[in-house]
Amino acid sequence: MNKSLKYLLIAFGILLFLYFINQGQQNKYIGTSETIFDLDADIINKIILKDSSGETITLFKTDSVWSILNNDSLVVKDRQIDQFFEKVIGGTYDMVMSKNPNKWVTFGVDTVSGKLLSVFQDDKLIASTIFSNKGQDYSHNFYRNIGVDIVYRTSENLYYMLNTRPTYWGSKPKETPPAVIDSKN
């Protein structure tokens, strides 16, 4: 074999080796999608939402009917509850953003700037999470579970579903017209 062919094969071997090292490094950055909450939605019977201004709303379930605490003039919209369970409770995250508690303010997941979601089963707290939409990316949000330092990025925007306005969750019941009495009989 001549020298130029040897050099070519050595160079090809080095490039192939560097390619596999590069691929191994890049595989660390492949995003995965994992669930935010590892909960059975059927066990949840109380939800408390608190925003950064201190406004709070409590939703509770009696049998299979959801209601708003201290608000008997509104009927909870089934669509809002269904979407909440599908997208928030069944939601996913795609990236770990930080494991540093000093960065909580940067991501807005501290107790002052974020929205707190607390989920209960029979008055027993089963999950408590702070969500934030801080930053320029409005198609994702950040969240942190209380008691855990890790900040995650959600796969989609969930922040708007953590609304504390009663009219977001409920609507006035439709009035039924009075029955007409037939006086001909």
N, C-alpha and C. Protein backbone atom coordinates (compact mmCIF):
# COMPACT_ATOMS: atom_id res chain seq x y z
N MET A 1 0.84 -1.17 0.00
CA MET A 1 0.00 0.00 0.00
C MET A 1 0.89 1.25 0.00
N ASN A 2 0.54 2.20 -0.80
CA ASN A 2 1.37 3.39 -0.84
C ASN A 2 1.03 4.33 0.31
N LYS A 3 1.93 5.27 0.54
CA LYS A 3 1.81 6.17 1.70
C LYS A 3 0.56 7.04 1.64
N SER A 4 0.17 7.53 0.50
CA SER A 4 -0.99 8.41 0.41
C SER A 4 -2.28 7.66 0.77
N LEU A 5 -2.39 6.38 0.40
CA LEU A 5 -3.56 5.59 0.77
C LEU A 5 -3.59 5.34 2.26
N LYS A 6 -2.43 5.12 2.90
CA LYS A 6 -2.36 4.95 4.35
C LYS A 6 -2.83 6.21 5.07
N TYR A 7 -2.34 7.36 4.60
CA TYR A 7 -2.73 8.63 5.21
C TYR A 7 -4.24 8.88 5.05
N LEU A 8 -4.75 8.52 3.89
CA LEU A 8 -6.17 8.69 3.63
C LEU A 8 -7.00 7.81 4.57
N LEU A 9 -6.62 6.56 4.76
CA LEU A 9 -7.33 5.65 5.65
C LEU A 9 -7.23 6.11 7.11
N ILE A 10 -6.05 6.60 7.51
CA ILE A 10 -5.89 7.10 8.89
C ILE A 10 -6.78 8.33 9.10
N ALA A 11 -6.79 9.24 8.13
CA ALA A 11 -7.62 10.44 8.23
C ALA A 11 -9.11 10.05 8.27
N PHE A 12 -9.49 9.08 7.44
CA PHE A 12 -10.89 8.62 7.44
C PHE A 12 -11.24 7.99 8.78
N GLY A 13 -10.35 7.21 9.35
CA GLY A 13 -10.58 6.58 10.66
C GLY A 13 -10.74 7.62 11.76
N ILE A 14 -9.90 8.65 11.72
CA ILE A 14 -9.98 9.72 12.72
C ILE A 14 -11.31 10.47 12.58
N LEU A 15 -11.70 10.79 11.36
CA LEU A 15 -12.97 11.48 11.14
C LEU A 15 -14.16 10.62 11.60
N LEU A 16 -14.10 9.33 11.32
CA LEU A 16 -15.17 8.43 11.76
C LEU A 16 -15.23 8.37 13.28
N PHE A 17 -14.08 8.32 13.92
CA PHE A 17 -14.01 8.31 15.39
C PHE A 17 -14.61 9.60 15.96
N LEU A 18 -14.22 10.75 15.40
CA LEU A 18 -14.76 12.03 15.86
C LEU A 18 -16.26 12.13 15.62
N TYR A 19 -16.74 11.56 14.51
CA TYR A 19 -18.17 11.57 14.23
C TYR A 19 -18.94 10.83 15.32
N PHE A 20 -18.47 9.65 15.71
CA PHE A 20 -19.17 8.88 16.74
C PHE A 20 -19.11 9.56 18.11
N ILE A 21 -18.02 10.21 18.42
CA ILE A 21 -17.93 10.97 19.67
C ILE A 21 -18.95 12.11 19.65
N ASN A 22 -19.02 12.84 18.54
CA ASN A 22 -19.97 13.94 18.39
C ASN A 22 -21.41 13.45 18.52
N GLN A 23 -21.74 12.34 17.89
CA GLN A 23 -23.09 11.79 17.99
C GLN A 23 -23.43 11.42 19.43
N GLY A 24 -22.50 10.85 20.14
CA GLY A 24 -22.72 10.50 21.54
C GLY A 24 -22.98 11.74 22.39
N GLN A 25 -22.27 12.82 22.12
CA GLN A 25 -22.48 14.07 22.86
C GLN A 25 -23.83 14.69 22.53
N GLN A 26 -24.23 14.66 21.27
CA GLN A 26 -25.49 15.27 20.87
C GLN A 26 -26.70 14.49 21.36
N ASN A 27 -26.57 13.19 21.55
CA ASN A 27 -27.69 12.39 22.06
C ASN A 27 -28.10 12.80 23.46
N LYS A 28 -27.21 13.45 24.21
CA LYS A 28 -27.55 13.94 25.54
C LYS A 28 -28.61 15.04 25.47
N TYR A 29 -28.69 15.73 24.34
CA TYR A 29 -29.56 16.90 24.22
C TYR A 29 -30.89 16.61 23.52
N ILE A 30 -31.16 15.37 23.24
CA ILE A 30 -32.43 15.02 22.62
C ILE A 30 -33.53 15.19 23.65
N GLY A 31 -34.54 15.95 23.29
CA GLY A 31 -35.64 16.22 24.21
C GLY A 31 -36.56 15.01 24.36
N THR A 32 -37.03 14.82 25.55
CA THR A 32 -38.01 13.78 25.80
C THR A 32 -39.25 14.45 26.35
N SER A 33 -40.33 13.77 26.32
CA SER A 33 -41.56 14.33 26.83
C SER A 33 -42.08 13.41 27.92
N GLU A 34 -42.12 13.93 29.15
CA GLU A 34 -42.59 13.16 30.28
C GLU A 34 -43.72 13.92 30.97
N THR A 35 -44.56 13.19 31.69
CA THR A 35 -45.73 13.82 32.30
C THR A 35 -45.34 14.73 33.47
N ILE A 36 -46.10 15.78 33.64
CA ILE A 36 -45.89 16.73 34.73
C ILE A 36 -46.32 16.09 36.04
N PHE A 37 -47.51 15.52 36.04
CA PHE A 37 -48.05 14.89 37.24
C PHE A 37 -48.19 13.40 37.01
N ASP A 38 -47.75 12.63 37.97
CA ASP A 38 -47.92 11.19 37.92
C ASP A 38 -49.10 10.84 38.82
N LEU A 39 -50.29 11.26 38.38
CA LEU A 39 -51.50 11.13 39.20
C LEU A 39 -52.62 10.49 38.40
N ASP A 40 -53.49 9.80 39.09
CA ASP A 40 -54.73 9.33 38.51
C ASP A 40 -55.74 10.47 38.68
N ALA A 41 -56.22 11.01 37.59
CA ALA A 41 -57.12 12.17 37.63
C ALA A 41 -58.41 11.86 38.40
N ASP A 42 -58.81 10.61 38.46
CA ASP A 42 -60.06 10.26 39.13
C ASP A 42 -60.01 10.46 40.65
N ILE A 43 -58.81 10.49 41.23
CA ILE A 43 -58.72 10.64 42.68
C ILE A 43 -58.75 12.10 43.12
N ILE A 44 -58.59 13.01 42.19
CA ILE A 44 -58.56 14.44 42.52
C ILE A 44 -59.98 14.93 42.77
N ASN A 45 -60.20 15.54 43.94
CA ASN A 45 -61.52 16.09 44.22
C ASN A 45 -61.49 17.53 44.73
N LYS A 46 -60.30 18.13 44.74
CA LYS A 46 -60.21 19.55 45.10
C LYS A 46 -58.98 20.14 44.43
N ILE A 47 -59.15 21.34 43.87
CA ILE A 47 -58.07 22.06 43.18
C ILE A 47 -58.07 23.48 43.72
N ILE A 48 -56.91 23.95 44.14
CA ILE A 48 -56.77 25.34 44.59
C ILE A 48 -55.75 26.01 43.68
N LEU A 49 -56.15 27.15 43.11
CA LEU A 49 -55.27 27.95 42.27
C LEU A 49 -55.07 29.30 42.94
N LYS A 50 -53.81 29.73 43.03
CA LYS A 50 -53.49 31.03 43.63
C LYS A 50 -52.52 31.74 42.71
N ASP A 51 -52.86 32.97 42.32
CA ASP A 51 -51.97 33.72 41.44
C ASP A 51 -51.04 34.62 42.23
N SER A 52 -50.16 35.31 41.53
CA SER A 52 -49.13 36.12 42.19
C SER A 52 -49.71 37.32 42.94
N SER A 53 -50.92 37.76 42.60
CA SER A 53 -51.53 38.88 43.31
C SER A 53 -52.26 38.42 44.57
N GLY A 54 -52.32 37.12 44.79
CA GLY A 54 -52.96 36.59 45.99
C GLY A 54 -54.39 36.11 45.77
N GLU A 55 -54.93 36.32 44.56
CA GLU A 55 -56.28 35.84 44.28
C GLU A 55 -56.28 34.32 44.25
N THR A 56 -57.32 33.74 44.84
CA THR A 56 -57.41 32.29 44.95
C THR A 56 -58.79 31.83 44.51
N ILE A 57 -58.81 30.67 43.90
CA ILE A 57 -60.08 30.01 43.58
C ILE A 57 -59.94 28.55 43.97
N THR A 58 -61.01 28.01 44.54
CA THR A 58 -61.03 26.61 44.93
C THR A 58 -62.16 25.91 44.18
N LEU A 59 -61.79 24.87 43.48
CA LEU A 59 -62.75 24.03 42.78
C LEU A 59 -62.83 22.72 43.55
N PHE A 60 -64.03 22.23 43.78
CA PHE A 60 -64.15 20.96 44.49
C PHE A 60 -65.21 20.09 43.82
N LYS A 61 -65.02 18.80 43.98
CA LYS A 61 -65.92 17.83 43.35
C LYS A 61 -66.72 17.11 44.41
N THR A 62 -68.03 17.10 44.21
CA THR A 62 -68.93 16.32 45.05
C THR A 62 -69.57 15.30 44.14
N ASP A 63 -69.37 14.03 44.45
CA ASP A 63 -69.77 12.94 43.57
C ASP A 63 -69.07 13.13 42.22
N SER A 64 -69.77 13.54 41.20
CA SER A 64 -69.11 13.75 39.91
C SER A 64 -69.30 15.18 39.40
N VAL A 65 -69.78 16.07 40.28
CA VAL A 65 -70.07 17.45 39.88
C VAL A 65 -69.04 18.39 40.51
N TRP A 66 -68.41 19.21 39.66
CA TRP A 66 -67.45 20.20 40.13
C TRP A 66 -68.18 21.49 40.46
N SER A 67 -67.72 22.17 41.53
CA SER A 67 -68.31 23.44 41.96
C SER A 67 -67.18 24.40 42.34
N ILE A 68 -67.55 25.67 42.43
CA ILE A 68 -66.61 26.71 42.86
C ILE A 68 -66.96 27.07 44.29
N LEU A 69 -65.98 26.97 45.17
CA LEU A 69 -66.20 27.27 46.59
C LEU A 69 -66.62 28.72 46.76
N ASN A 70 -67.62 28.95 47.61
CA ASN A 70 -68.16 30.28 47.92
C ASN A 70 -68.72 31.00 46.70
N ASN A 71 -69.20 30.24 45.72
CA ASN A 71 -69.81 30.86 44.55
C ASN A 71 -70.89 29.92 44.04
N ASP A 72 -72.10 30.10 44.53
CA ASP A 72 -73.18 29.22 44.11
C ASP A 72 -74.01 29.82 42.98
N SER A 73 -73.59 30.96 42.44
CA SER A 73 -74.33 31.55 41.33
C SER A 73 -73.79 31.08 39.98
N LEU A 74 -72.64 30.39 39.97
CA LEU A 74 -72.05 29.92 38.71
C LEU A 74 -72.04 28.40 38.67
N VAL A 75 -72.25 27.86 37.50
CA VAL A 75 -72.15 26.42 37.27
C VAL A 75 -70.83 26.18 36.54
N VAL A 76 -70.03 25.25 37.04
CA VAL A 76 -68.72 24.99 36.44
C VAL A 76 -68.89 24.46 35.01
N LYS A 77 -68.10 25.02 34.11
CA LYS A 77 -68.12 24.61 32.70
C LYS A 77 -67.38 23.27 32.58
N ASP A 78 -68.07 22.28 32.09
CA ASP A 78 -67.46 20.95 31.93
C ASP A 78 -66.24 21.00 31.00
N ARG A 79 -66.33 21.83 29.98
CA ARG A 79 -65.23 21.93 29.01
C ARG A 79 -63.95 22.42 29.68
N GLN A 80 -64.07 23.40 30.58
CA GLN A 80 -62.89 23.94 31.26
C GLN A 80 -62.25 22.86 32.14
N ILE A 81 -63.07 22.13 32.87
CA ILE A 81 -62.54 21.06 33.74
C ILE A 81 -61.89 19.97 32.90
N ASP A 82 -62.57 19.56 31.82
CA ASP A 82 -62.01 18.51 30.96
C ASP A 82 -60.67 18.93 30.37
N GLN A 83 -60.59 20.17 29.88
CA GLN A 83 -59.33 20.67 29.31
C GLN A 83 -58.25 20.77 30.39
N PHE A 84 -58.62 21.19 31.58
CA PHE A 84 -57.67 21.29 32.68
C PHE A 84 -57.05 19.92 32.97
N PHE A 85 -57.88 18.92 33.07
CA PHE A 85 -57.36 17.57 33.36
C PHE A 85 -56.56 17.02 32.19
N GLU A 86 -57.00 17.29 30.98
CA GLU A 86 -56.28 16.78 29.82
C GLU A 86 -54.92 17.46 29.64
N LYS A 87 -54.92 18.80 29.72
CA LYS A 87 -53.70 19.53 29.37
C LYS A 87 -52.79 19.83 30.56
N VAL A 88 -53.34 20.10 31.73
CA VAL A 88 -52.51 20.44 32.88
C VAL A 88 -52.15 19.17 33.67
N ILE A 89 -53.15 18.47 34.16
CA ILE A 89 -52.87 17.26 34.94
C ILE A 89 -52.23 16.20 34.05
N GLY A 90 -52.69 16.08 32.81
CA GLY A 90 -52.11 15.12 31.88
C GLY A 90 -51.01 15.71 31.02
N GLY A 91 -50.57 16.92 31.34
CA GLY A 91 -49.57 17.63 30.53
C GLY A 91 -48.19 17.02 30.61
N THR A 92 -47.34 17.48 29.73
CA THR A 92 -45.96 16.97 29.66
C THR A 92 -44.95 18.11 29.69
N TYR A 93 -43.74 17.74 30.05
CA TYR A 93 -42.62 18.68 29.96
C TYR A 93 -41.61 18.11 28.99
N ASP A 94 -40.82 18.98 28.38
CA ASP A 94 -39.87 18.51 27.39
C ASP A 94 -38.41 18.83 27.74
N MET A 95 -38.19 19.57 28.83
CA MET A 95 -36.81 19.95 29.11
C MET A 95 -36.63 20.35 30.57
N VAL A 96 -35.52 19.96 31.14
CA VAL A 96 -35.12 20.46 32.46
C VAL A 96 -34.36 21.76 32.21
N MET A 97 -34.79 22.83 32.88
CA MET A 97 -34.17 24.14 32.66
C MET A 97 -33.06 24.44 33.67
N SER A 98 -33.27 24.05 34.92
CA SER A 98 -32.28 24.36 35.95
C SER A 98 -32.50 23.48 37.17
N LYS A 99 -31.41 23.24 37.87
CA LYS A 99 -31.48 22.54 39.16
C LYS A 99 -31.01 23.46 40.28
N ASN A 100 -30.86 24.74 39.97
CA ASN A 100 -30.32 25.72 40.89
C ASN A 100 -31.44 26.57 41.49
N PRO A 101 -31.68 26.48 42.81
CA PRO A 101 -32.74 27.30 43.43
C PRO A 101 -32.53 28.80 43.26
N ASN A 102 -31.31 29.25 43.03
CA ASN A 102 -31.05 30.67 42.82
C ASN A 102 -31.64 31.17 41.50
N LYS A 103 -32.01 30.27 40.61
CA LYS A 103 -32.58 30.64 39.31
C LYS A 103 -34.11 30.65 39.32
N TRP A 104 -34.74 30.34 40.44
CA TRP A 104 -36.20 30.30 40.50
C TRP A 104 -36.80 31.64 40.10
N VAL A 105 -36.22 32.74 40.54
CA VAL A 105 -36.74 34.07 40.20
C VAL A 105 -36.60 34.31 38.70
N THR A 106 -35.48 33.87 38.11
CA THR A 106 -35.26 34.04 36.68
C THR A 106 -36.36 33.37 35.87
N PHE A 107 -36.79 32.19 36.30
CA PHE A 107 -37.83 31.45 35.60
C PHE A 107 -39.23 31.76 36.14
N GLY A 108 -39.33 32.57 37.18
CA GLY A 108 -40.62 32.97 37.73
C GLY A 108 -41.34 31.89 38.51
N VAL A 109 -40.61 30.90 39.02
CA VAL A 109 -41.24 29.81 39.76
C VAL A 109 -40.99 29.91 41.26
N ASP A 110 -40.74 31.12 41.72
CA ASP A 110 -40.66 31.35 43.16
C ASP A 110 -42.07 31.57 43.68
N THR A 111 -42.24 31.57 44.96
CA THR A 111 -43.58 31.67 45.54
C THR A 111 -44.21 33.05 45.37
N VAL A 112 -43.42 34.05 44.97
CA VAL A 112 -43.94 35.41 44.81
C VAL A 112 -44.48 35.64 43.40
N SER A 113 -43.78 35.17 42.36
CA SER A 113 -44.18 35.51 40.99
C SER A 113 -44.98 34.47 40.25
N GLY A 114 -44.98 33.24 40.68
CA GLY A 114 -45.68 32.19 39.94
C GLY A 114 -47.10 31.97 40.40
N LYS A 115 -47.81 31.11 39.65
CA LYS A 115 -49.15 30.68 40.03
C LYS A 115 -49.04 29.32 40.69
N LEU A 116 -49.64 29.20 41.86
CA LEU A 116 -49.56 27.97 42.63
C LEU A 116 -50.79 27.11 42.35
N LEU A 117 -50.53 25.87 41.98
CA LEU A 117 -51.58 24.88 41.78
C LEU A 117 -51.42 23.81 42.84
N SER A 118 -52.46 23.61 43.66
CA SER A 118 -52.45 22.56 44.68
C SER A 118 -53.61 21.62 44.38
N VAL A 119 -53.31 20.33 44.39
CA VAL A 119 -54.28 19.30 44.05
C VAL A 119 -54.46 18.39 45.26
N PHE A 120 -55.72 18.07 45.56
CA PHE A 120 -56.03 17.32 46.77
C PHE A 120 -56.86 16.07 46.47
N GLN A 121 -56.71 15.10 47.36
CA GLN A 121 -57.59 13.94 47.41
C GLN A 121 -58.11 13.87 48.84
N ASP A 122 -59.42 14.07 48.99
CA ASP A 122 -60.04 14.03 50.33
C ASP A 122 -59.30 14.93 51.32
N ASP A 123 -59.08 16.19 50.96
CA ASP A 123 -58.39 17.19 51.79
C ASP A 123 -56.94 16.85 52.11
N LYS A 124 -56.37 15.86 51.44
CA LYS A 124 -54.95 15.53 51.60
C LYS A 124 -54.22 16.04 50.35
N LEU A 125 -53.23 16.91 50.57
CA LEU A 125 -52.45 17.48 49.47
C LEU A 125 -51.66 16.36 48.78
N ILE A 126 -51.87 16.21 47.46
CA ILE A 126 -51.13 15.17 46.73
C ILE A 126 -50.15 15.77 45.71
N ALA A 127 -50.30 17.04 45.38
CA ALA A 127 -49.34 17.71 44.48
C ALA A 127 -49.48 19.21 44.64
N SER A 128 -48.34 19.89 44.63
CA SER A 128 -48.32 21.34 44.70
C SER A 128 -47.21 21.84 43.78
N THR A 129 -47.59 22.66 42.81
CA THR A 129 -46.68 23.06 41.75
C THR A 129 -46.83 24.54 41.46
N ILE A 130 -45.71 25.21 41.18
CA ILE A 130 -45.72 26.62 40.79
C ILE A 130 -45.43 26.71 39.30
N PHE A 131 -46.32 27.41 38.58
CA PHE A 131 -46.17 27.61 37.14
C PHE A 131 -45.84 29.07 36.86
N SER A 132 -45.14 29.30 35.75
CA SER A 132 -44.78 30.65 35.35
C SER A 132 -44.75 30.75 33.83
N ASN A 133 -45.02 31.94 33.32
CA ASN A 133 -44.85 32.18 31.88
C ASN A 133 -43.80 33.24 31.63
N LYS A 134 -42.85 33.34 32.53
CA LYS A 134 -41.81 34.35 32.43
C LYS A 134 -40.91 34.04 31.23
N GLY A 135 -40.54 35.05 30.53
CA GLY A 135 -39.66 34.88 29.38
C GLY A 135 -40.35 35.27 28.09
N GLN A 136 -39.68 35.03 26.99
CA GLN A 136 -40.17 35.46 25.69
C GLN A 136 -40.86 34.34 24.93
N ASP A 137 -40.79 33.11 25.43
CA ASP A 137 -41.37 31.97 24.74
C ASP A 137 -42.77 31.72 25.28
N TYR A 138 -43.80 32.17 24.55
CA TYR A 138 -45.16 32.06 25.04
C TYR A 138 -45.83 30.73 24.66
N SER A 139 -45.11 29.87 23.98
CA SER A 139 -45.68 28.57 23.64
C SER A 139 -45.31 27.52 24.68
N HIS A 140 -44.51 27.90 25.66
CA HIS A 140 -44.11 27.01 26.75
C HIS A 140 -44.17 27.78 28.06
N ASN A 141 -44.19 27.06 29.15
CA ASN A 141 -44.14 27.66 30.48
C ASN A 141 -43.09 26.93 31.30
N PHE A 142 -42.81 27.48 32.46
CA PHE A 142 -41.89 26.84 33.39
C PHE A 142 -42.69 26.40 34.61
N TYR A 143 -42.22 25.35 35.26
CA TYR A 143 -42.87 24.92 36.50
C TYR A 143 -41.87 24.24 37.41
N ARG A 144 -42.23 24.24 38.68
CA ARG A 144 -41.42 23.60 39.72
C ARG A 144 -42.37 23.01 40.75
N ASN A 145 -42.11 21.77 41.13
CA ASN A 145 -42.89 21.15 42.20
C ASN A 145 -42.37 21.65 43.54
N ILE A 146 -43.29 21.96 44.45
CA ILE A 146 -42.90 22.45 45.78
C ILE A 146 -42.06 21.36 46.47
N GLY A 147 -40.95 21.78 47.04
CA GLY A 147 -40.07 20.85 47.73
C GLY A 147 -38.99 20.25 46.84
N VAL A 148 -39.00 20.61 45.55
CA VAL A 148 -38.02 20.10 44.59
C VAL A 148 -37.35 21.30 43.93
N ASP A 149 -36.05 21.22 43.73
CA ASP A 149 -35.29 22.35 43.17
C ASP A 149 -35.34 22.44 41.65
N ILE A 150 -35.75 21.40 40.97
CA ILE A 150 -35.65 21.33 39.51
C ILE A 150 -36.76 22.17 38.85
N VAL A 151 -36.37 22.98 37.85
CA VAL A 151 -37.31 23.77 37.06
C VAL A 151 -37.41 23.11 35.69
N TYR A 152 -38.65 22.87 35.25
CA TYR A 152 -38.91 22.22 33.96
C TYR A 152 -39.59 23.20 33.01
N ARG A 153 -39.55 22.87 31.72
CA ARG A 153 -40.28 23.63 30.71
C ARG A 153 -41.41 22.74 30.19
N THR A 154 -42.62 23.27 30.18
CA THR A 154 -43.76 22.50 29.69
C THR A 154 -43.70 22.35 28.17
N SER A 155 -44.35 21.33 27.66
CA SER A 155 -44.37 21.09 26.21
C SER A 155 -45.26 22.09 25.47
N GLU A 156 -46.22 22.66 26.17
CA GLU A 156 -47.11 23.66 25.57
C GLU A 156 -47.52 24.67 26.62
N ASN A 157 -48.18 25.73 26.18
CA ASN A 157 -48.61 26.78 27.10
C ASN A 157 -49.79 26.29 27.93
N LEU A 158 -49.62 26.25 29.25
CA LEU A 158 -50.67 25.83 30.17
C LEU A 158 -51.08 26.96 31.11
N TYR A 159 -50.32 28.02 31.10
CA TYR A 159 -50.47 29.10 32.08
C TYR A 159 -51.87 29.71 32.07
N TYR A 160 -52.44 29.89 30.90
CA TYR A 160 -53.76 30.52 30.80
C TYR A 160 -54.84 29.66 31.44
N MET A 161 -54.61 28.37 31.58
CA MET A 161 -55.60 27.48 32.19
C MET A 161 -55.59 27.54 33.71
N LEU A 162 -54.63 28.23 34.27
CA LEU A 162 -54.51 28.36 35.73
C LEU A 162 -55.14 29.67 36.17
N ASN A 163 -56.30 29.94 35.67
CA ASN A 163 -56.99 31.20 35.86
C ASN A 163 -57.74 31.21 37.19
N THR A 164 -57.68 32.31 37.91
CA THR A 164 -58.35 32.42 39.21
C THR A 164 -59.68 33.17 39.14
N ARG A 165 -60.09 33.58 37.96
CA ARG A 165 -61.38 34.27 37.82
C ARG A 165 -62.52 33.25 37.82
N PRO A 166 -63.51 33.42 38.66
CA PRO A 166 -64.63 32.48 38.70
C PRO A 166 -65.36 32.36 37.35
N THR A 167 -65.44 33.47 36.59
CA THR A 167 -66.15 33.42 35.31
C THR A 167 -65.39 32.63 34.25
N TYR A 168 -64.11 32.38 34.45
CA TYR A 168 -63.36 31.50 33.55
C TYR A 168 -63.84 30.06 33.74
N TRP A 169 -64.04 29.69 34.98
CA TRP A 169 -64.41 28.31 35.32
C TRP A 169 -65.91 28.06 35.27
N GLY A 170 -66.70 29.08 35.50
CA GLY A 170 -68.14 28.87 35.57
C GLY A 170 -68.92 29.88 34.78
N SER A 171 -70.18 29.56 34.56
CA SER A 171 -71.10 30.48 33.88
C SER A 171 -72.43 30.45 34.61
N LYS A 172 -73.21 31.49 34.38
CA LYS A 172 -74.52 31.54 35.00
C LYS A 172 -75.39 30.43 34.40
N PRO A 173 -76.17 29.77 35.23
CA PRO A 173 -77.03 28.72 34.68
C PRO A 173 -78.07 29.31 33.74
N LYS A 174 -78.38 28.55 32.72
CA LYS A 174 -79.39 29.02 31.77
C LYS A 174 -80.75 28.94 32.43
N GLU A 175 -81.49 30.02 32.28
CA GLU A 175 -82.83 30.06 32.87
C GLU A 175 -83.78 29.29 31.96
N THR A 176 -84.61 28.50 32.59
CA THR A 176 -85.62 27.78 31.82
C THR A 176 -86.89 28.61 31.82
N PRO A 177 -87.53 28.71 30.67
CA PRO A 177 -88.76 29.51 30.63
C PRO A 177 -89.84 28.84 31.47
N PRO A 178 -90.71 29.64 32.06
CA PRO A 178 -91.77 29.05 32.88
C PRO A 178 -92.69 28.19 32.01
N ALA A 179 -93.19 27.15 32.63
CA ALA A 179 -94.07 26.25 31.90
C ALA A 179 -95.41 26.95 31.62
N VAL A 180 -95.94 26.75 30.44
CA VAL A 180 -97.23 27.33 30.05
C VAL A 180 -98.32 26.34 30.46
N ILE A 181 -99.30 26.85 31.17
CA ILE A 181 -100.40 26.01 31.62
C ILE A 181 -101.55 26.15 30.64
N ASP A 182 -101.99 25.01 30.16
CA ASP A 182 -103.09 25.00 29.18
C ASP A 182 -104.41 25.08 29.95
N SER A 183 -105.14 26.16 29.79
CA SER A 183 -106.39 26.37 30.55
C SER A 183 -107.63 25.83 29.82
N LYS A 184 -107.46 25.20 28.69
CA LYS A 184 -108.60 24.72 27.91
C LYS A 184 -109.18 23.44 28.50
N ASN A 185 -108.48 22.73 29.29
CA ASN A 185 -109.00 21.45 29.81
C ASN A 185 -109.85 21.65 30.97
